[in-house]
Amino acid sequence: DRFLSQVSAPKVGLAFDFQVVPCIPEDPHDERVDYLATEEGIFRIFKKRPEKLNYQPKFGDICY
């Protein structure tokens, strides 16, 4: 997280679709990713929900 806080490039998280959950805990030192890539697609992570063109994720909103 310390390294990621200094990176100005987009941050991408990788996960399998089954690993994505509706809400995750967040600590003050955690750094959010800008994108999440799964086998279902690449999602831009916003403060309230992920979005991908022409795709509605079945796992619902990712909350922050």
PDB file of N, CA and C in Angstrom:
ATOM      1  N   ASP A   1       0.809  -1.197   0.000  1.00  0.00           N
ATOM      2  CA  ASP A   1       0.000   0.000   0.000  1.00  0.00           C
ATOM      3  C   ASP A   1       0.857   1.268   0.000  1.00  0.00           C
ATOM      4  N   ARG A   2       1.980   1.237   0.669  1.00  0.00           N
ATOM      5  CA  ARG A   2       2.851   2.420   0.667  1.00  0.00           C
ATOM      6  C   ARG A   2       3.365   2.707  -0.732  1.00  0.00           C
ATOM      7  N   PHE A   3       3.777   1.661  -1.434  1.00  0.00           N
ATOM      8  CA  PHE A   3       4.261   1.839  -2.803  1.00  0.00           C
ATOM      9  C   PHE A   3       3.139   2.336  -3.709  1.00  0.00           C
ATOM     10  N   LEU A   4       1.969   1.724  -3.602  1.00  0.00           N
ATOM     11  CA  LEU A   4       0.846   2.099  -4.471  1.00  0.00           C
ATOM     12  C   LEU A   4       0.407   3.536  -4.251  1.00  0.00           C
ATOM     13  N   SER A   5       0.559   4.052  -3.049  1.00  0.00           N
ATOM     14  CA  SER A   5       0.148   5.432  -2.791  1.00  0.00           C
ATOM     15  C   SER A   5       1.028   6.431  -3.533  1.00  0.00           C
ATOM     16  N   GLN A   6       2.221   6.007  -3.955  1.00  0.00           N
ATOM     17  CA  GLN A   6       3.139   6.887  -4.672  1.00  0.00           C
ATOM     18  C   GLN A   6       3.039   6.743  -6.185  1.00  0.00           C
ATOM     19  N   VAL A   7       2.278   5.778  -6.666  1.00  0.00           N
ATOM     20  CA  VAL A   7       2.164   5.509  -8.099  1.00  0.00           C
ATOM     21  C   VAL A   7       1.053   6.366  -8.690  1.00  0.00           C
ATOM     22  N   SER A   8       1.375   7.075  -9.771  1.00  0.00           N
ATOM     23  CA  SER A   8       0.353   7.902 -10.412  1.00  0.00           C
ATOM     24  C   SER A   8      -0.334   7.169 -11.564  1.00  0.00           C
ATOM     25  N   ALA A   9       0.188   6.022 -11.978  1.00  0.00           N
ATOM     26  CA  ALA A   9      -0.424   5.236 -13.056  1.00  0.00           C
ATOM     27  C   ALA A   9      -1.687   4.546 -12.533  1.00  0.00           C
ATOM     28  N   PRO A  10      -2.608   4.174 -13.438  1.00  0.00           N
ATOM     29  CA  PRO A  10      -3.799   3.433 -13.002  1.00  0.00           C
ATOM     30  C   PRO A  10      -3.406   2.128 -12.307  1.00  0.00           C
ATOM     31  N   LYS A  11      -4.133   1.794 -11.264  1.00  0.00           N
ATOM     32  CA  LYS A  11      -3.885   0.564 -10.504  1.00  0.00           C
ATOM     33  C   LYS A  11      -4.950  -0.461 -10.879  1.00  0.00           C
ATOM     34  N   VAL A  12      -4.520  -1.681 -11.210  1.00  0.00           N
ATOM     35  CA  VAL A  12      -5.433  -2.735 -11.647  1.00  0.00           C
ATOM     36  C   VAL A  12      -5.327  -3.913 -10.689  1.00  0.00           C
ATOM     37  N   GLY A  13      -6.469  -4.350 -10.176  1.00  0.00           N
ATOM     38  CA  GLY A  13      -6.520  -5.545  -9.340  1.00  0.00           C
ATOM     39  C   GLY A  13      -6.951  -6.729 -10.182  1.00  0.00           C
ATOM     40  N   LEU A  14      -6.401  -7.900  -9.906  1.00  0.00           N
ATOM     41  CA  LEU A  14      -6.739  -9.125 -10.626  1.00  0.00           C
ATOM     42  C   LEU A  14      -7.421 -10.091  -9.675  1.00  0.00           C
ATOM     43  N   ALA A  15      -8.514 -10.712 -10.139  1.00  0.00           N
ATOM     44  CA  ALA A  15      -9.233 -11.675  -9.309  1.00  0.00           C
ATOM     45  C   ALA A  15     -10.066 -12.576 -10.205  1.00  0.00           C
ATOM     46  N   PHE A  16     -10.404 -13.753  -9.695  1.00  0.00           N
ATOM     47  CA  PHE A  16     -11.395 -14.584 -10.355  1.00  0.00           C
ATOM     48  C   PHE A  16     -12.767 -14.039  -9.976  1.00  0.00           C
ATOM     49  N   ASP A  17     -13.750 -14.230 -10.849  1.00  0.00           N
ATOM     50  CA  ASP A  17     -15.088 -13.694 -10.620  1.00  0.00           C
ATOM     51  C   ASP A  17     -15.675 -14.187  -9.294  1.00  0.00           C
ATOM     52  N   PHE A  18     -15.402 -15.448  -8.924  1.00  0.00           N
ATOM     53  CA  PHE A  18     -15.972 -15.983  -7.687  1.00  0.00           C
ATOM     54  C   PHE A  18     -15.374 -15.331  -6.437  1.00  0.00           C
ATOM     55  N   GLN A  19     -14.264 -14.607  -6.589  1.00  0.00           N
ATOM     56  CA  GLN A  19     -13.638 -13.947  -5.449  1.00  0.00           C
ATOM     57  C   GLN A  19     -14.222 -12.563  -5.168  1.00  0.00           C
ATOM     58  N   VAL A  20     -15.013 -12.048  -6.083  1.00  0.00           N
ATOM     59  CA  VAL A  20     -15.574 -10.706  -5.929  1.00  0.00           C
ATOM     60  C   VAL A  20     -16.764 -10.774  -4.979  1.00  0.00           C
ATOM     61  N   VAL A  21     -16.765  -9.907  -3.990  1.00  0.00           N
ATOM     62  CA  VAL A  21     -17.831  -9.864  -2.994  1.00  0.00           C
ATOM     63  C   VAL A  21     -18.461  -8.473  -2.983  1.00  0.00           C
ATOM     64  N   PRO A  22     -19.703  -8.358  -2.477  1.00  0.00           N
ATOM     65  CA  PRO A  22     -20.393  -7.063  -2.502  1.00  0.00           C
ATOM     66  C   PRO A  22     -19.679  -5.968  -1.723  1.00  0.00           C
ATOM     67  N   CYS A  23     -19.137  -6.280  -0.567  1.00  0.00           N
ATOM     68  CA  CYS A  23     -18.469  -5.272   0.253  1.00  0.00           C
ATOM     69  C   CYS A  23     -17.204  -5.865   0.846  1.00  0.00           C
ATOM     70  N   ILE A  24     -16.195  -5.018   0.968  1.00  0.00           N
ATOM     71  CA  ILE A  24     -14.951  -5.458   1.589  1.00  0.00           C
ATOM     72  C   ILE A  24     -14.554  -4.441   2.648  1.00  0.00           C
ATOM     73  N   PRO A  25     -13.912  -4.903   3.725  1.00  0.00           N
ATOM     74  CA  PRO A  25     -13.454  -3.949   4.737  1.00  0.00           C
ATOM     75  C   PRO A  25     -12.318  -3.099   4.191  1.00  0.00           C
ATOM     76  N   GLU A  26     -12.199  -1.898   4.693  1.00  0.00           N
ATOM     77  CA  GLU A  26     -11.163  -0.982   4.227  1.00  0.00           C
ATOM     78  C   GLU A  26     -10.510  -0.324   5.431  1.00  0.00           C
ATOM     79  N   ASP A  27      -9.186  -0.400   5.482  1.00  0.00           N
ATOM     80  CA  ASP A  27      -8.415   0.260   6.533  1.00  0.00           C
ATOM     81  C   ASP A  27      -7.888   1.588   6.010  1.00  0.00           C
ATOM     82  N   PRO A  28      -7.534   2.515   6.902  1.00  0.00           N
ATOM     83  CA  PRO A  28      -7.053   3.835   6.466  1.00  0.00           C
ATOM     84  C   PRO A  28      -5.827   3.779   5.557  1.00  0.00           C
ATOM     85  N   HIS A  29      -4.976   2.771   5.713  1.00  0.00           N
ATOM     86  CA  HIS A  29      -3.763   2.681   4.893  1.00  0.00           C
ATOM     87  C   HIS A  29      -3.996   1.990   3.546  1.00  0.00           C
ATOM     88  N   ASP A  30      -5.185   1.420   3.322  1.00  0.00           N
ATOM     89  CA  ASP A  30      -5.472   0.710   2.075  1.00  0.00           C
ATOM     90  C   ASP A  30      -5.539   1.667   0.891  1.00  0.00           C
ATOM     91  N   GLU A  31      -5.082   1.204  -0.252  1.00  0.00           N
ATOM     92  CA  GLU A  31      -5.171   1.957  -1.498  1.00  0.00           C
ATOM     93  C   GLU A  31      -6.182   1.272  -2.406  1.00  0.00           C
ATOM     94  N   ARG A  32      -7.105   2.025  -2.947  1.00  0.00           N
ATOM     95  CA  ARG A  32      -8.098   1.475  -3.863  1.00  0.00           C
ATOM     96  C   ARG A  32      -7.499   1.299  -5.247  1.00  0.00           C
ATOM     97  N   VAL A  33      -7.976   0.286  -5.952  1.00  0.00           N
ATOM     98  CA  VAL A  33      -7.560   0.108  -7.343  1.00  0.00           C
ATOM     99  C   VAL A  33      -8.500   0.906  -8.233  1.00  0.00           C
ATOM    100  N   ASP A  34      -8.027   1.233  -9.429  1.00  0.00           N
ATOM    101  CA  ASP A  34      -8.853   1.961 -10.392  1.00  0.00           C
ATOM    102  C   ASP A  34      -9.684   1.012 -11.245  1.00  0.00           C
ATOM    103  N   TYR A  35      -9.160  -0.195 -11.451  1.00  0.00           N
ATOM    104  CA  TYR A  35      -9.832  -1.195 -12.281  1.00  0.00           C
ATOM    105  C   TYR A  35      -9.731  -2.554 -11.607  1.00  0.00           C
ATOM    106  N   LEU A  36     -10.722  -3.400 -11.869  1.00  0.00           N
ATOM    107  CA  LEU A  36     -10.706  -4.783 -11.423  1.00  0.00           C
ATOM    108  C   LEU A  36     -10.881  -5.658 -12.649  1.00  0.00           C
ATOM    109  N   ALA A  37      -9.945  -6.573 -12.883  1.00  0.00           N
ATOM    110  CA  ALA A  37     -10.010  -7.476 -14.029  1.00  0.00           C
ATOM    111  C   ALA A  37     -10.342  -8.882 -13.542  1.00  0.00           C
ATOM    112  N   THR A  38     -11.420  -9.466 -14.111  1.00  0.00           N
ATOM    113  CA  THR A  38     -11.792 -10.856 -13.846  1.00  0.00           C
ATOM    114  C   THR A  38     -11.998 -11.535 -15.193  1.00  0.00           C
ATOM    115  N   GLU A  39     -12.300 -12.830 -15.173  1.00  0.00           N
ATOM    116  CA  GLU A  39     -12.576 -13.521 -16.433  1.00  0.00           C
ATOM    117  C   GLU A  39     -13.867 -13.026 -17.086  1.00  0.00           C
ATOM    118  N   GLU A  40     -14.698 -12.315 -16.336  1.00  0.00           N
ATOM    119  CA  GLU A  40     -15.939 -11.757 -16.879  1.00  0.00           C
ATOM    120  C   GLU A  40     -15.729 -10.410 -17.557  1.00  0.00           C
ATOM    121  N   GLY A  41     -14.609  -9.760 -17.303  1.00  0.00           N
ATOM    122  CA  GLY A  41     -14.354  -8.470 -17.931  1.00  0.00           C
ATOM    123  C   GLY A  41     -13.506  -7.573 -17.052  1.00  0.00           C
ATOM    124  N   ILE A  42     -13.355  -6.348 -17.519  1.00  0.00           N
ATOM    125  CA  ILE A  42     -12.591  -5.339 -16.789  1.00  0.00           C
ATOM    126  C   ILE A  42     -13.562  -4.265 -16.330  1.00  0.00           C
ATOM    127  N   PHE A  43     -13.534  -3.964 -15.047  1.00  0.00           N
ATOM    128  CA  PHE A  43     -14.474  -3.026 -14.454  1.00  0.00           C
ATOM    129  C   PHE A  43     -13.729  -1.819 -13.919  1.00  0.00           C
ATOM    130  N   ARG A  44     -14.226  -0.637 -14.244  1.00  0.00           N
ATOM    131  CA  ARG A  44     -13.675   0.570 -13.636  1.00  0.00           C
ATOM    132  C   ARG A  44     -14.324   0.711 -12.268  1.00  0.00           C
ATOM    133  N   ILE A  45     -13.526   0.930 -11.256  1.00  0.00           N
ATOM    134  CA  ILE A  45     -14.039   1.015  -9.897  1.00  0.00           C
ATOM    135  C   ILE A  45     -14.288   2.477  -9.542  1.00  0.00           C
ATOM    136  N   PHE A  46     -15.548   2.770  -9.243  1.00  0.00           N
ATOM    137  CA  PHE A  46     -15.953   4.091  -8.792  1.00  0.00           C
ATOM    138  C   PHE A  46     -16.179   4.018  -7.288  1.00  0.00           C
ATOM    139  N   LYS A  47     -16.498   5.123  -6.675  1.00  0.00           N
ATOM    140  CA  LYS A  47     -16.731   5.115  -5.229  1.00  0.00           C
ATOM    141  C   LYS A  47     -17.934   4.263  -4.849  1.00  0.00           C
ATOM    142  N   LYS A  48     -18.900   4.140  -5.728  1.00  0.00           N
ATOM    143  CA  LYS A  48     -20.121   3.420  -5.376  1.00  0.00           C
ATOM    144  C   LYS A  48     -20.317   2.104  -6.112  1.00  0.00           C
ATOM    145  N   ARG A  49     -19.947   2.014  -7.398  1.00  0.00           N
ATOM    146  CA  ARG A  49     -20.215   0.766  -8.113  1.00  0.00           C
ATOM    147  C   ARG A  49     -19.291   0.611  -9.320  1.00  0.00           C
ATOM    148  N   PRO A  50     -19.033  -0.646  -9.719  1.00  0.00           N
ATOM    149  CA  PRO A  50     -18.215  -0.884 -10.904  1.00  0.00           C
ATOM    150  C   PRO A  50     -19.066  -0.800 -12.159  1.00  0.00           C
ATOM    151  N   GLU A  51     -18.456  -0.463 -13.260  1.00  0.00           N
ATOM    152  CA  GLU A  51     -19.186  -0.418 -14.526  1.00  0.00           C
ATOM    153  C   GLU A  51     -18.320  -0.977 -15.640  1.00  0.00           C
ATOM    154  N   LYS A  52     -18.959  -1.600 -16.602  1.00  0.00           N
ATOM    155  CA  LYS A  52     -18.296  -2.065 -17.813  1.00  0.00           C
ATOM    156  C   LYS A  52     -19.297  -1.870 -18.935  1.00  0.00           C
ATOM    157  N   LEU A  53     -18.828  -1.494 -20.090  1.00  0.00           N
ATOM    158  CA  LEU A  53     -19.733  -1.262 -21.208  1.00  0.00           C
ATOM    159  C   LEU A  53     -20.541  -2.514 -21.522  1.00  0.00           C
ATOM    160  N   ASN A  54     -21.853  -2.364 -21.631  1.00  0.00           N
ATOM    161  CA  ASN A  54     -22.774  -3.436 -22.026  1.00  0.00           C
ATOM    162  C   ASN A  54     -22.717  -4.665 -21.120  1.00  0.00           C
ATOM    163  N   TYR A  55     -22.416  -4.494 -19.863  1.00  0.00           N
ATOM    164  CA  TYR A  55     -22.372  -5.636 -18.946  1.00  0.00           C
ATOM    165  C   TYR A  55     -22.823  -5.202 -17.567  1.00  0.00           C
ATOM    166  N   GLN A  56     -23.771  -5.917 -17.011  1.00  0.00           N
ATOM    167  CA  GLN A  56     -24.240  -5.662 -15.653  1.00  0.00           C
ATOM    168  C   GLN A  56     -23.702  -6.773 -14.756  1.00  0.00           C
ATOM    169  N   PRO A  57     -22.759  -6.488 -13.881  1.00  0.00           N
ATOM    170  CA  PRO A  57     -22.159  -7.552 -13.079  1.00  0.00           C
ATOM    171  C   PRO A  57     -23.175  -8.235 -12.186  1.00  0.00           C
ATOM    172  N   LYS A  58     -23.104  -9.552 -12.113  1.00  0.00           N
ATOM    173  CA  LYS A  58     -24.066 -10.311 -11.326  1.00  0.00           C
ATOM    174  C   LYS A  58     -23.819 -10.216  -9.832  1.00  0.00           C
ATOM    175  N   PHE A  59     -22.627  -9.760  -9.454  1.00  0.00           N
ATOM    176  CA  PHE A  59     -22.301  -9.694  -8.036  1.00  0.00           C
ATOM    177  C   PHE A  59     -22.783  -8.414  -7.389  1.00  0.00           C
ATOM    178  N   GLY A  60     -23.399  -7.517  -8.147  1.00  0.00           N
ATOM    179  CA  GLY A  60     -23.945  -6.299  -7.573  1.00  0.00           C
ATOM    180  C   GLY A  60     -22.903  -5.228  -7.357  1.00  0.00           C
ATOM    181  N   ASP A  61     -23.217  -4.315  -6.496  1.00  0.00           N
ATOM    182  CA  ASP A  61     -22.333  -3.181  -6.247  1.00  0.00           C
ATOM    183  C   ASP A  61     -21.142  -3.577  -5.377  1.00  0.00           C
ATOM    184  N   ILE A  62     -20.019  -2.960  -5.659  1.00  0.00           N
ATOM    185  CA  ILE A  62     -18.879  -3.027  -4.753  1.00  0.00           C
ATOM    186  C   ILE A  62     -18.915  -1.725  -3.969  1.00  0.00           C
ATOM    187  N   CYS A  63     -19.098  -1.812  -2.681  1.00  0.00           N
ATOM    188  CA  CYS A  63     -19.263  -0.585  -1.904  1.00  0.00           C
ATOM    189  C   CYS A  63     -17.956  -0.170  -1.250  1.00  0.00           C
ATOM    190  N   TYR A  64     -17.780   1.140  -1.101  1.00  0.00           N
ATOM    191  CA  TYR A  64     -16.613   1.710  -0.440  1.00  0.00           C
ATOM    192  C   TYR A  64     -17.074   2.706   0.584  1.00  0.00           C
TER     193      TYR A  64
END
